[in-house]
């Protein structure tokens, strides 16, 4: 069971690898549920604009 979860999480690296390589700040926030499963919203900013990404994520979370 653990190995299945681990493998699934590694399969999702393709979603974050481009930003890890380029140094763009990115964050994922909870965006609700669909068919009983959680949905995430990934916010990506320009390089060195970490604060803007965090501010946007915070504003989005306050909407709930």
N, C-alpha and C. Protein backbone atom coordinates (compact mmCIF):
# COMPACT_ATOMS: atom_id res chain seq x y z
N UNK A 1 0.83 -1.20 0.00
CA UNK A 1 0.00 0.00 0.00
C UNK A 1 0.87 1.26 0.00
N UNK A 2 1.86 1.31 0.88
CA UNK A 2 2.76 2.46 0.94
C UNK A 2 3.49 2.64 -0.38
N UNK A 3 3.96 1.53 -0.95
CA UNK A 3 4.71 1.64 -2.21
C UNK A 3 3.83 2.15 -3.34
N UNK A 4 2.54 1.79 -3.32
CA UNK A 4 1.61 2.31 -4.34
C UNK A 4 1.48 3.82 -4.22
N UNK A 5 1.32 4.31 -3.00
CA UNK A 5 1.20 5.76 -2.78
C UNK A 5 2.48 6.47 -3.19
N UNK A 6 3.61 5.88 -2.84
CA UNK A 6 4.90 6.48 -3.18
C UNK A 6 5.07 6.58 -4.69
N UNK A 7 4.74 5.51 -5.40
CA UNK A 7 4.86 5.51 -6.86
C UNK A 7 3.93 6.56 -7.47
N UNK A 8 2.69 6.66 -6.97
CA UNK A 8 1.76 7.65 -7.51
C UNK A 8 2.28 9.07 -7.29
N UNK A 9 2.89 9.30 -6.14
CA UNK A 9 3.40 10.65 -5.88
C UNK A 9 4.58 10.96 -6.80
N UNK A 10 5.42 9.97 -7.10
CA UNK A 10 6.53 10.21 -8.02
C UNK A 10 6.03 10.46 -9.44
N UNK A 11 4.91 9.86 -9.80
CA UNK A 11 4.34 10.09 -11.12
C UNK A 11 3.90 11.53 -11.31
N UNK A 12 3.65 12.24 -10.21
CA UNK A 12 3.18 13.63 -10.29
C UNK A 12 4.32 14.64 -10.35
N UNK A 13 5.56 14.17 -10.29
CA UNK A 13 6.70 15.07 -10.35
C UNK A 13 6.69 15.88 -11.64
N UNK A 14 6.11 15.33 -12.69
CA UNK A 14 6.06 16.05 -13.96
C UNK A 14 5.31 17.37 -13.84
N UNK A 15 4.44 17.50 -12.83
CA UNK A 15 3.70 18.74 -12.63
C UNK A 15 4.57 19.84 -12.02
N UNK A 16 5.58 19.44 -11.27
CA UNK A 16 6.39 20.43 -10.57
C UNK A 16 7.81 20.57 -11.11
N UNK A 17 8.31 19.57 -11.80
CA UNK A 17 9.70 19.58 -12.27
C UNK A 17 10.08 20.81 -13.09
N UNK A 18 9.24 21.28 -14.01
CA UNK A 18 9.64 22.47 -14.78
C UNK A 18 9.94 23.68 -13.90
N UNK A 19 9.18 23.84 -12.83
CA UNK A 19 9.37 25.00 -11.96
C UNK A 19 10.55 24.78 -11.02
N UNK A 20 10.79 23.52 -10.63
CA UNK A 20 11.96 23.22 -9.82
C UNK A 20 13.23 23.54 -10.59
N UNK A 21 13.24 23.21 -11.85
CA UNK A 21 14.44 23.40 -12.68
C UNK A 21 14.68 24.88 -12.99
N UNK A 22 13.61 25.62 -13.28
CA UNK A 22 13.76 27.02 -13.70
C UNK A 22 13.82 28.00 -12.53
N UNK A 23 13.46 27.55 -11.34
CA UNK A 23 13.51 28.43 -10.17
C UNK A 23 12.30 29.32 -10.01
N UNK A 24 11.22 29.03 -10.73
CA UNK A 24 9.99 29.82 -10.57
C UNK A 24 9.30 29.42 -9.27
N UNK A 25 8.83 30.40 -8.49
CA UNK A 25 8.11 30.06 -7.27
C UNK A 25 6.75 29.45 -7.61
N UNK A 26 6.40 28.41 -6.90
CA UNK A 26 5.12 27.75 -7.14
C UNK A 26 4.55 27.23 -5.83
N UNK A 27 3.24 27.20 -5.75
CA UNK A 27 2.55 26.70 -4.58
C UNK A 27 1.24 26.06 -5.04
N UNK A 28 0.80 25.08 -4.30
CA UNK A 28 -0.48 24.44 -4.59
C UNK A 28 -1.40 24.66 -3.39
N UNK A 29 -2.62 25.07 -3.66
CA UNK A 29 -3.60 25.27 -2.59
C UNK A 29 -4.83 24.41 -2.88
N UNK A 30 -5.52 24.06 -1.82
CA UNK A 30 -6.73 23.27 -1.94
C UNK A 30 -7.80 24.10 -2.65
N UNK A 31 -8.38 23.51 -3.70
CA UNK A 31 -9.39 24.22 -4.48
C UNK A 31 -10.75 23.53 -4.42
N UNK A 32 -10.93 22.63 -3.47
CA UNK A 32 -12.21 21.96 -3.32
C UNK A 32 -12.14 20.48 -3.61
N UNK A 33 -13.31 19.92 -3.93
CA UNK A 33 -13.43 18.49 -4.17
C UNK A 33 -14.19 18.25 -5.47
N UNK A 34 -13.89 17.13 -6.09
CA UNK A 34 -14.62 16.69 -7.27
C UNK A 34 -14.76 15.17 -7.19
N UNK A 35 -15.98 14.71 -7.18
CA UNK A 35 -16.27 13.28 -7.10
C UNK A 35 -15.56 12.65 -5.91
N UNK A 36 -15.54 13.37 -4.80
CA UNK A 36 -14.94 12.85 -3.57
C UNK A 36 -13.43 12.95 -3.50
N UNK A 37 -12.80 13.54 -4.49
CA UNK A 37 -11.34 13.66 -4.50
C UNK A 37 -10.95 15.13 -4.42
N UNK A 38 -9.85 15.42 -3.72
CA UNK A 38 -9.41 16.81 -3.61
C UNK A 38 -8.83 17.33 -4.93
N UNK A 39 -9.04 18.62 -5.14
CA UNK A 39 -8.51 19.30 -6.32
C UNK A 39 -7.56 20.39 -5.82
N UNK A 40 -6.42 20.51 -6.48
CA UNK A 40 -5.46 21.54 -6.11
C UNK A 40 -5.32 22.57 -7.21
N UNK A 41 -5.05 23.79 -6.80
CA UNK A 41 -4.78 24.87 -7.74
C UNK A 41 -3.31 25.21 -7.61
N UNK A 42 -2.56 25.08 -8.69
CA UNK A 42 -1.14 25.40 -8.65
C UNK A 42 -0.95 26.83 -9.17
N UNK A 43 -0.28 27.62 -8.36
CA UNK A 43 0.00 29.01 -8.70
C UNK A 43 1.50 29.13 -8.94
N UNK A 44 1.87 29.67 -10.09
CA UNK A 44 3.28 29.82 -10.45
C UNK A 44 3.54 31.29 -10.77
N UNK A 45 4.65 31.79 -10.29
CA UNK A 45 4.98 33.19 -10.54
C UNK A 45 6.28 33.35 -11.30
N UNK A 46 6.58 34.59 -11.59
CA UNK A 46 7.87 34.90 -12.23
C UNK A 46 8.99 34.64 -11.22
N UNK A 47 10.17 34.43 -11.75
CA UNK A 47 11.31 34.19 -10.87
C UNK A 47 11.48 35.37 -9.90
N UNK A 48 11.77 35.02 -8.66
CA UNK A 48 12.02 35.97 -7.57
C UNK A 48 10.77 36.73 -7.13
N UNK A 49 9.59 36.30 -7.55
CA UNK A 49 8.36 36.94 -7.10
C UNK A 49 7.61 36.01 -6.14
N UNK A 50 8.36 35.43 -5.23
CA UNK A 50 7.80 34.51 -4.25
C UNK A 50 6.67 35.16 -3.43
N UNK A 51 6.89 36.40 -3.03
CA UNK A 51 5.90 37.08 -2.20
C UNK A 51 4.56 37.20 -2.92
N UNK A 52 4.57 37.52 -4.20
CA UNK A 52 3.33 37.63 -4.96
C UNK A 52 2.59 36.30 -5.02
N UNK A 53 3.34 35.22 -5.19
CA UNK A 53 2.73 33.89 -5.24
C UNK A 53 2.07 33.58 -3.89
N UNK A 54 2.77 33.86 -2.82
CA UNK A 54 2.22 33.61 -1.49
C UNK A 54 0.99 34.49 -1.21
N UNK A 55 1.05 35.74 -1.64
CA UNK A 55 -0.09 36.65 -1.44
C UNK A 55 -1.31 36.17 -2.21
N UNK A 56 -1.11 35.71 -3.43
CA UNK A 56 -2.22 35.20 -4.22
C UNK A 56 -2.81 33.93 -3.60
N UNK A 57 -1.94 33.04 -3.15
CA UNK A 57 -2.42 31.81 -2.49
C UNK A 57 -3.22 32.15 -1.24
N UNK A 58 -2.74 33.10 -0.48
CA UNK A 58 -3.45 33.52 0.73
C UNK A 58 -4.81 34.13 0.38
N UNK A 59 -4.85 34.98 -0.63
CA UNK A 59 -6.12 35.59 -1.05
C UNK A 59 -7.10 34.52 -1.52
N UNK A 60 -6.63 33.55 -2.27
CA UNK A 60 -7.50 32.47 -2.75
C UNK A 60 -8.07 31.67 -1.59
N UNK A 61 -7.24 31.36 -0.60
CA UNK A 61 -7.71 30.60 0.56
C UNK A 61 -8.72 31.39 1.38
N UNK A 62 -8.62 32.70 1.41
CA UNK A 62 -9.58 33.52 2.15
C UNK A 62 -10.95 33.55 1.50
N UNK A 63 -11.02 33.21 0.21
CA UNK A 63 -12.30 33.20 -0.51
C UNK A 63 -13.24 32.10 -0.01
N UNK A 64 -12.68 31.07 0.56
CA UNK A 64 -13.49 29.92 1.01
C UNK A 64 -14.37 30.27 2.17
